[in-house]
């Protein structure tokens, strides 16, 4: 699934308050890192944040789903990454708060 450049630019703008972020190709998408820690990825037109046991509940309560892909034999859910809910994507303050939580979760896993 190719990255939507217009969506990628939108995500860059949303995450701008976090300061300098490294960005690199990640499979068919893009990964975002802060200080060497990957906390987000964009696949197609979807933004995913890293979750931990505490934040995963927040995503599930918002009817978000984990990143998944198909492979021979079925679908694989990657429960480390969850889709950022649409209402969060539309709220500049909320997206930064959720991104900071994702950064903390990613650092704790490292």
C-alpha atoms as a PDB file:
ATOM      1  CA  UNK A   1       0.000   0.000   0.000  1.00  0.00           C
ATOM      2  CA  UNK A   2       1.689   3.175  -1.225  1.00  0.00           C
ATOM      3  CA  UNK A   3       1.935   6.260   0.937  1.00  0.00           C
ATOM      4  CA  UNK A   4      -0.438   9.068   0.088  1.00  0.00           C
ATOM      5  CA  UNK A   5       1.825  12.129  -0.293  1.00  0.00           C
ATOM      6  CA  UNK A   6      -0.989  14.537   0.547  1.00  0.00           C
ATOM      7  CA  UNK A   7      -1.766  12.626   3.751  1.00  0.00           C
ATOM      8  CA  UNK A   8       1.929  12.410   4.586  1.00  0.00           C
ATOM      9  CA  UNK A   9       2.241  16.193   4.272  1.00  0.00           C
ATOM     10  CA  UNK A  10      -0.802  16.596   6.518  1.00  0.00           C
ATOM     11  CA  UNK A  11       0.785  14.344   9.163  1.00  0.00           C
ATOM     12  CA  UNK A  12       4.040  16.315   8.967  1.00  0.00           C
ATOM     13  CA  UNK A  13       2.111  19.515   9.692  1.00  0.00           C
ATOM     14  CA  UNK A  14       0.248  17.928  12.599  1.00  0.00           C
ATOM     15  CA  UNK A  15       3.455  16.646  14.195  1.00  0.00           C
ATOM     16  CA  UNK A  16       5.388  19.890  13.662  1.00  0.00           C
ATOM     17  CA  UNK A  17       4.916  21.030  17.303  1.00  0.00           C
ATOM     18  CA  UNK A  18       7.029  18.025  18.392  1.00  0.00           C
ATOM     19  CA  UNK A  19      10.123  19.610  16.888  1.00  0.00           C
ATOM     20  CA  UNK A  20      12.614  17.814  14.678  1.00  0.00           C
ATOM     21  CA  UNK A  21      11.537  14.319  13.676  1.00  0.00           C
ATOM     22  CA  UNK A  22      13.465  11.894  11.537  1.00  0.00           C
ATOM     23  CA  UNK A  23      11.508  10.327   8.744  1.00  0.00           C
ATOM     24  CA  UNK A  24      12.442   7.347   6.633  1.00  0.00           C
ATOM     25  CA  UNK A  25      10.940   4.786   4.329  1.00  0.00           C
ATOM     26  CA  UNK A  26       9.405   1.908   6.243  1.00  0.00           C
ATOM     27  CA  UNK A  27       8.305  -0.999   4.074  1.00  0.00           C
ATOM     28  CA  UNK A  28       5.828   0.678   1.709  1.00  0.00           C
ATOM     29  CA  UNK A  29       5.204   3.556   4.122  1.00  0.00           C
ATOM     30  CA  UNK A  30       7.066   6.053   6.262  1.00  0.00           C
ATOM     31  CA  UNK A  31       8.329   5.891   9.818  1.00  0.00           C
ATOM     32  CA  UNK A  32       8.643   8.844  12.198  1.00  0.00           C
ATOM     33  CA  UNK A  33      11.281   8.909  14.917  1.00  0.00           C
ATOM     34  CA  UNK A  34      12.247  11.254  17.688  1.00  0.00           C
ATOM     35  CA  UNK A  35      15.784  10.898  19.032  1.00  0.00           C
ATOM     36  CA  UNK A  36      16.154   7.547  17.288  1.00  0.00           C
ATOM     37  CA  UNK A  37      12.927   6.067  18.673  1.00  0.00           C
ATOM     38  CA  UNK A  38      10.235   5.126  16.162  1.00  0.00           C
ATOM     39  CA  UNK A  39       6.817   6.098  17.473  1.00  0.00           C
ATOM     40  CA  UNK A  40       4.657   6.406  14.362  1.00  0.00           C
ATOM     41  CA  UNK A  41       4.219   5.149  10.851  1.00  0.00           C
ATOM     42  CA  UNK A  42       2.107   6.073   7.872  1.00  0.00           C
ATOM     43  CA  UNK A  43       0.858   3.334   5.592  1.00  0.00           C
ATOM     44  CA  UNK A  44      -1.248   4.423   2.664  1.00  0.00           C
ATOM     45  CA  UNK A  45      -3.555   7.073   4.073  1.00  0.00           C
ATOM     46  CA  UNK A  46      -3.419   5.903   7.673  1.00  0.00           C
ATOM     47  CA  UNK A  47      -1.377   7.100  10.655  1.00  0.00           C
ATOM     48  CA  UNK A  48      -0.450   4.570  13.324  1.00  0.00           C
ATOM     49  CA  UNK A  49       1.074   5.282  16.740  1.00  0.00           C
ATOM     50  CA  UNK A  50       2.963   2.948  19.041  1.00  0.00           C
ATOM     51  CA  UNK A  51       0.882   1.807  22.004  1.00  0.00           C
ATOM     52  CA  UNK A  52       1.626   0.115  25.295  1.00  0.00           C
ATOM     53  CA  UNK A  53      -0.654  -1.769  27.652  1.00  0.00           C
ATOM     54  CA  UNK A  54      -2.083   1.451  29.126  1.00  0.00           C
ATOM     55  CA  UNK A  55      -2.607   3.430  25.922  1.00  0.00           C
ATOM     56  CA  UNK A  56      -3.919   0.464  23.907  1.00  0.00           C
ATOM     57  CA  UNK A  57      -7.182   0.652  25.882  1.00  0.00           C
ATOM     58  CA  UNK A  58      -7.664   4.269  24.827  1.00  0.00           C
ATOM     59  CA  UNK A  59      -7.350   3.277  21.175  1.00  0.00           C
ATOM     60  CA  UNK A  60      -9.661   0.307  21.565  1.00  0.00           C
ATOM     61  CA  UNK A  61     -12.236   2.510  23.321  1.00  0.00           C
ATOM     62  CA  UNK A  62     -12.089   4.773  20.268  1.00  0.00           C
ATOM     63  CA  UNK A  63     -12.779   1.737  18.026  1.00  0.00           C
ATOM     64  CA  UNK A  64      -9.282   1.903  16.597  1.00  0.00           C
ATOM     65  CA  UNK A  65      -7.654  -1.207  15.233  1.00  0.00           C
ATOM     66  CA  UNK A  66      -4.085  -2.459  15.149  1.00  0.00           C
ATOM     67  CA  UNK A  67      -1.999  -2.274  12.026  1.00  0.00           C
ATOM     68  CA  UNK A  68      -2.502  -5.473  10.060  1.00  0.00           C
ATOM     69  CA  UNK A  69      -1.308  -7.051   6.865  1.00  0.00           C
ATOM     70  CA  UNK A  70      -2.177 -10.133   4.896  1.00  0.00           C
ATOM     71  CA  UNK A  71       0.173 -12.974   4.323  1.00  0.00           C
ATOM     72  CA  UNK A  72      -0.192 -16.515   3.162  1.00  0.00           C
ATOM     73  CA  UNK A  73      -2.368 -18.228   5.717  1.00  0.00           C
ATOM     74  CA  UNK A  74      -4.194 -15.172   7.040  1.00  0.00           C
ATOM     75  CA  UNK A  75      -4.024 -11.715   8.503  1.00  0.00           C
ATOM     76  CA  UNK A  76      -1.332 -10.618  10.940  1.00  0.00           C
ATOM     77  CA  UNK A  77      -2.179  -7.956  13.548  1.00  0.00           C
ATOM     78  CA  UNK A  78       0.736  -5.850  14.759  1.00  0.00           C
ATOM     79  CA  UNK A  79      -0.582  -4.822  18.168  1.00  0.00           C
ATOM     80  CA  UNK A  80       2.333  -2.456  18.782  1.00  0.00           C
ATOM     81  CA  UNK A  81       0.786   0.030  16.311  1.00  0.00           C
ATOM     82  CA  UNK A  82      -2.791   1.267  16.357  1.00  0.00           C
ATOM     83  CA  UNK A  83      -4.609   3.518  13.891  1.00  0.00           C
ATOM     84  CA  UNK A  84      -4.984   7.070  15.159  1.00  0.00           C
ATOM     85  CA  UNK A  85      -8.736   7.767  15.412  1.00  0.00           C
ATOM     86  CA  UNK A  86     -10.175  10.233  12.889  1.00  0.00           C
ATOM     87  CA  UNK A  87     -11.420  12.659  15.547  1.00  0.00           C
ATOM     88  CA  UNK A  88      -7.873  12.866  16.950  1.00  0.00           C
ATOM     89  CA  UNK A  89      -6.495  13.585  13.466  1.00  0.00           C
ATOM     90  CA  UNK A  90      -8.875  16.533  13.276  1.00  0.00           C
ATOM     91  CA  UNK A  91      -7.762  18.019  16.614  1.00  0.00           C
ATOM     92  CA  UNK A  92      -4.340  19.690  16.592  1.00  0.00           C
ATOM     93  CA  UNK A  93      -3.986  19.652  20.384  1.00  0.00           C
ATOM     94  CA  UNK A  94      -5.154  16.053  20.744  1.00  0.00           C
ATOM     95  CA  UNK A  95      -2.826  14.698  18.060  1.00  0.00           C
ATOM     96  CA  UNK A  96       0.197  16.170  19.830  1.00  0.00           C
ATOM     97  CA  UNK A  97      -0.906  14.686  23.168  1.00  0.00           C
ATOM     98  CA  UNK A  98      -1.425  11.251  21.602  1.00  0.00           C
ATOM     99  CA  UNK A  99       1.921  11.512  19.793  1.00  0.00           C
ATOM    100  CA  UNK A 100       3.723  12.322  23.065  1.00  0.00           C
ATOM    101  CA  UNK A 101       2.119   9.245  24.640  1.00  0.00           C
ATOM    102  CA  UNK A 102       3.295   7.177  21.673  1.00  0.00           C
ATOM    103  CA  UNK A 103       6.829   8.518  22.062  1.00  0.00           C
ATOM    104  CA  UNK A 104       6.837   7.591  25.753  1.00  0.00           C
ATOM    105  CA  UNK A 105       5.470   4.123  24.991  1.00  0.00           C
ATOM    106  CA  UNK A 106       8.081   3.565  22.268  1.00  0.00           C
ATOM    107  CA  UNK A 107      10.915   4.707  24.537  1.00  0.00           C
ATOM    108  CA  UNK A 108       9.746   2.400  27.330  1.00  0.00           C
ATOM    109  CA  UNK A 109       9.854  -0.559  24.940  1.00  0.00           C
ATOM    110  CA  UNK A 110      13.357   0.188  23.736  1.00  0.00           C
END
